[in-house]
Amino acid sequence: MKILELENIHSYYGESHVIQGLSMYVERGEAVSILGRNGVGKTTTLRSIMGLAPPRSGSIKIAEKESTGWPPHKVVTKGGVAFIPAERLIFPGLSVEENLKLAERQSSGKNVWNLGRVYEYFPILAARKKQDGATLSGGEQQMLAIGRGLMCNPSIMLLDEPSQGLAPLVIKTVVNIVIELCKEGSLTLLLVEQNFRVAMKLASRHYLMDIKGKIKCDLDNQECLEDKEILTKHLSV
């Protein structure tokens, strides 16, 4: 079942036509990445899904419901979508625990996310729960941002450049946690990433995006590795 589907969307920033005719889909329980160089429209795609840069035309469906034009809060509450931006956007002046509680959304389903469960996955957050979230290290802030997204009890997670600005060892830790989350089977992942090695660890299918949101091809991990021209032409390697 397609839990997320975009059909011929056109998104703008002011008069700048950033996404021109993008179509793509993600199946329920699937982990998919959008790969491409900076400026091709990867983040704008996520922002369009979230209603932060709503498309002027085209269709977005979440769990087969038309969500085009929904405001961001409705995408979260009714669509069950969590967005973890590359900037992380941790609230300064609030503790780690307060940052988590702000996003809390009650759920009666299986594997409900609450403070206790987030702390099980991210024990460093439990140790820092009284600390100002904005004073955490980059890796800890990324964990806090993911944990805060999980507190919404989402069925879909949109993850934007999770490796950005992180040391290799920290990237490995974050990647392993996200892999474990996806293995549970209750979370669908749409990932934006410029580091194709990280993307291939997290996702099994990849949309290669060119300028203006044009999808060049849809590849699995093996096809990415075998086609060296794709890697050198469209990705940072």
Protein backbone atom coordinates (compact mmCIF):
# COMPACT_ATOMS: atom_id res chain seq x y z
CA MET A 1 0.00 0.00 0.00
CA LYS A 2 1.28 3.48 -0.88
CA ILE A 3 1.31 5.39 2.39
CA LEU A 4 2.73 8.52 0.73
CA GLU A 5 2.19 9.55 -2.88
CA LEU A 6 3.13 12.73 -4.76
CA GLU A 7 1.74 13.26 -8.25
CA ASN A 8 2.92 16.03 -10.55
CA ILE A 9 3.48 18.60 -7.80
CA HIS A 10 4.73 22.12 -8.51
CA SER A 11 6.14 24.06 -5.55
CA TYR A 12 7.42 27.61 -5.36
CA TYR A 13 9.31 29.98 -3.10
CA GLY A 14 7.76 33.29 -4.07
CA GLU A 15 8.05 33.35 -7.86
CA SER A 16 10.87 30.81 -7.93
CA HIS A 17 9.53 27.56 -9.41
CA VAL A 18 11.57 25.08 -7.33
CA ILE A 19 9.75 21.78 -7.90
CA GLN A 20 8.45 21.18 -11.41
CA GLY A 21 6.25 18.13 -11.90
CA LEU A 22 7.55 15.78 -9.19
CA SER A 23 5.92 12.35 -8.85
CA MET A 24 7.05 9.67 -6.37
CA TYR A 25 5.68 7.26 -3.77
CA VAL A 26 6.63 5.38 -0.62
CA GLU A 27 5.08 2.07 0.43
CA ARG A 28 3.98 1.46 4.03
CA GLY A 29 6.93 0.22 6.10
CA GLU A 30 9.44 1.13 3.38
CA ALA A 31 12.62 3.16 3.83
CA VAL A 32 13.28 5.37 0.79
CA SER A 33 15.83 8.11 0.15
CA ILE A 34 15.98 11.12 -2.14
CA LEU A 35 19.52 11.57 -3.40
CA GLY A 36 20.97 14.51 -5.30
CA ARG A 37 23.24 17.50 -5.14
CA ASN A 38 22.51 20.64 -3.15
CA GLY A 39 19.80 22.86 -4.56
CA VAL A 40 17.88 20.31 -6.64
CA GLY A 41 14.77 20.43 -4.45
CA LYS A 42 15.21 17.57 -1.96
CA THR A 43 14.38 19.56 1.18
CA THR A 44 11.63 21.46 -0.63
CA THR A 45 10.00 18.09 -1.35
CA LEU A 46 9.81 17.34 2.37
CA ARG A 47 8.58 20.86 3.11
CA SER A 48 5.88 20.44 0.46
CA ILE A 49 4.68 17.22 2.09
CA MET A 50 4.59 18.98 5.46
CA GLY A 51 2.58 21.95 4.15
CA LEU A 52 5.47 24.33 4.83
CA ALA A 53 5.91 24.96 1.09
CA PRO A 54 2.56 23.73 -0.20
CA PRO A 55 2.43 22.93 -3.91
CA ARG A 56 0.41 25.26 -6.10
CA SER A 57 -0.70 22.33 -8.23
CA GLY A 58 -0.52 18.56 -8.17
CA SER A 59 -1.56 16.07 -5.52
CA ILE A 60 -0.12 14.76 -2.24
CA LYS A 61 -1.79 11.79 -0.56
CA ILE A 62 -1.03 10.39 2.89
CA ALA A 63 -2.51 6.94 3.53
CA GLU A 64 -4.67 7.48 0.42
CA LYS A 65 -6.15 10.72 1.80
CA GLU A 66 -5.68 13.93 -0.16
CA SER A 67 -3.46 16.12 2.03
CA THR A 68 -2.60 18.85 -0.48
CA GLY A 69 -3.24 22.17 1.21
CA TRP A 70 -3.29 20.79 4.75
CA PRO A 71 -1.55 23.09 7.26
CA PRO A 72 1.52 21.59 8.98
CA HIS A 73 -0.26 20.78 12.25
CA LYS A 74 -2.86 18.73 10.38
CA VAL A 75 -0.15 16.82 8.47
CA VAL A 76 1.24 15.84 11.89
CA THR A 77 -1.98 15.10 13.75
CA LYS A 78 -4.18 13.65 10.99
CA GLY A 79 -1.48 12.41 8.60
CA GLY A 80 0.79 10.97 11.28
CA VAL A 81 3.91 12.56 9.79
CA ALA A 82 6.98 13.69 11.76
CA PHE A 83 9.52 16.04 10.15
CA ILE A 84 13.08 16.18 11.46
CA PRO A 85 14.71 19.14 9.69
CA ALA A 86 18.44 19.38 9.01
CA GLU A 87 18.62 22.42 11.32
CA ARG A 88 17.10 20.30 14.17
CA LEU A 89 15.39 23.44 15.57
CA ILE A 90 15.88 22.60 19.24
CA PHE A 91 14.07 25.14 21.42
CA PRO A 92 16.66 27.13 23.43
CA GLY A 93 15.86 27.79 27.06
CA LEU A 94 13.91 24.53 27.32
CA SER A 95 15.35 21.37 28.83
CA VAL A 96 15.74 18.15 26.87
CA GLU A 97 12.64 16.77 28.55
CA GLU A 98 10.63 19.91 27.89
CA ASN A 99 11.60 19.77 24.19
CA LEU A 100 10.33 16.18 24.09
CA LYS A 101 7.09 16.89 25.96
CA LEU A 102 6.19 19.74 23.60
CA ALA A 103 5.72 17.23 20.79
CA GLU A 104 3.86 14.59 22.78
CA ARG A 105 0.77 13.22 21.05
CA GLN A 106 -1.31 10.50 22.66
CA SER A 107 -1.78 7.23 20.80
CA SER A 108 -3.58 3.98 21.58
CA GLY A 109 -1.78 1.91 18.96
CA LYS A 110 1.01 -0.60 19.40
CA ASN A 111 4.55 0.50 20.32
CA VAL A 112 3.39 3.86 21.64
CA TRP A 113 6.13 6.45 21.98
CA ASN A 114 6.41 8.24 25.31
CA LEU A 115 9.23 9.68 27.42
CA GLY A 116 10.21 6.32 28.84
CA ARG A 117 10.48 4.65 25.46
CA VAL A 118 12.42 7.55 23.93
CA TYR A 119 14.86 7.37 26.84
CA GLU A 120 15.29 3.62 26.24
CA TYR A 121 16.41 4.31 22.67
CA PHE A 122 18.39 7.42 23.56
CA PRO A 123 19.87 6.90 27.06
CA ILE A 124 22.06 10.00 26.62
CA LEU A 125 18.87 12.07 26.54
CA ALA A 126 17.76 10.58 29.84
CA ALA A 127 21.13 11.52 31.34
CA ARG A 128 20.77 15.08 29.98
CA LYS A 129 17.01 15.50 30.53
CA LYS A 130 17.38 18.61 32.73
CA GLN A 131 19.98 20.24 30.47
CA ASP A 132 19.09 23.06 28.07
CA GLY A 133 18.52 21.27 24.76
CA ALA A 134 20.34 23.99 22.81
CA THR A 135 23.59 23.27 24.73
CA LEU A 136 23.82 19.64 23.63
CA SER A 137 26.44 18.51 21.14
CA GLY A 138 25.47 18.21 17.47
CA GLY A 139 24.96 14.46 17.70
CA GLU A 140 22.93 14.76 20.88
CA GLN A 141 20.77 17.45 19.28
CA GLN A 142 20.13 15.14 16.34
CA MET A 143 19.03 12.40 18.75
CA LEU A 144 16.80 14.90 20.55
CA ALA A 145 15.25 16.01 17.25
CA ILE A 146 14.51 12.39 16.29
CA GLY A 147 13.20 11.61 19.76
CA ARG A 148 10.95 14.68 19.65
CA GLY A 149 9.60 13.53 16.29
CA LEU A 150 8.84 10.09 17.72
CA MET A 151 6.86 11.69 20.57
CA CYS A 152 4.27 12.60 17.90
CA ASN A 153 3.70 8.84 17.48
CA PRO A 154 4.08 9.10 13.70
CA SER A 155 3.58 6.44 11.06
CA ILE A 156 5.85 8.34 8.63
CA MET A 157 9.14 10.06 9.42
CA LEU A 158 10.66 12.65 7.07
CA LEU A 159 14.36 12.90 7.90
CA ASP A 160 16.39 15.70 6.32
CA GLU A 161 20.19 15.32 6.09
CA PRO A 162 20.69 13.45 9.39
CA SER A 163 24.48 13.20 8.87
CA GLN A 164 24.96 16.93 8.27
CA GLY A 165 27.75 18.39 10.41
CA LEU A 166 28.30 15.22 12.44
CA ALA A 167 31.52 13.31 13.06
CA PRO A 168 31.73 9.81 11.48
CA LEU A 169 31.40 8.01 14.83
CA VAL A 170 28.31 10.05 15.72
CA ILE A 171 26.82 9.41 12.27
CA LYS A 172 27.27 5.67 12.85
CA THR A 173 25.41 5.89 16.17
CA VAL A 174 22.51 7.87 14.69
CA VAL A 175 22.29 5.56 11.65
CA ASN A 176 22.17 2.45 13.86
CA ILE A 177 19.33 3.92 15.93
CA VAL A 178 17.28 4.82 12.84
CA ILE A 179 17.87 1.33 11.39
CA GLU A 180 16.56 -0.19 14.61
CA LEU A 181 13.48 2.05 14.47
CA CYS A 182 12.72 0.95 10.93
CA LYS A 183 13.21 -2.73 11.77
CA GLU A 184 10.29 -2.54 14.18
CA GLY A 185 8.07 -2.27 11.12
CA SER A 186 5.79 0.47 12.42
CA LEU A 187 7.68 3.38 10.88
CA THR A 188 7.92 4.43 7.24
CA LEU A 189 10.98 6.52 6.40
CA LEU A 190 11.54 9.11 3.69
CA LEU A 191 15.10 10.34 3.91
CA VAL A 192 16.89 13.24 2.23
CA GLU A 193 20.64 12.73 2.18
CA GLN A 194 23.61 13.90 0.14
CA ASN A 195 25.93 11.25 1.60
CA PHE A 196 24.96 8.21 -0.46
CA ARG A 197 26.76 5.82 1.90
CA VAL A 198 24.50 6.90 4.76
CA ALA A 199 21.45 6.70 2.49
CA MET A 200 22.24 3.13 1.45
CA LYS A 201 22.56 2.04 5.06
CA LEU A 202 19.17 3.46 5.94
CA ALA A 203 17.12 2.91 2.76
CA SER A 204 16.68 0.13 0.23
CA ARG A 205 15.27 2.26 -2.59
CA HIS A 206 16.46 5.63 -3.84
CA TYR A 207 15.06 8.42 -6.01
CA LEU A 208 17.85 10.26 -7.81
CA MET A 209 16.78 13.89 -8.11
CA ASP A 210 18.08 16.36 -10.68
CA ILE A 211 17.39 20.10 -10.91
CA LYS A 212 13.86 21.41 -10.31
CA GLY A 213 12.85 18.18 -8.58
CA LYS A 214 13.11 16.08 -11.73
CA ILE A 215 13.46 12.37 -10.89
CA LYS A 216 16.16 10.85 -13.10
CA CYS A 217 15.64 7.28 -11.92
CA ASP A 218 14.52 4.98 -9.12
CA LEU A 219 17.31 2.66 -7.94
CA ASP A 220 17.99 -0.02 -5.37
CA ASN A 221 21.29 -0.25 -3.48
CA GLN A 222 22.92 -2.63 -5.93
CA GLU A 223 22.08 -0.43 -8.91
CA CYS A 224 23.55 2.60 -7.11
CA LEU A 225 26.83 0.79 -6.52
CA GLU A 226 27.08 -0.63 -10.03
CA ASP A 227 26.40 2.61 -11.92
CA LYS A 228 29.51 4.70 -11.20
CA GLU A 229 28.44 7.38 -13.69
CA ILE A 230 25.33 8.12 -11.62
CA LEU A 231 27.39 8.50 -8.45
CA THR A 232 29.95 10.85 -9.99
CA LYS A 233 27.48 12.92 -12.01
CA HIS A 234 24.68 13.42 -9.51
CA LEU A 235 26.10 12.75 -6.03
CA SER A 236 28.94 14.00 -3.85
CA VAL A 237 31.42 11.12 -3.74
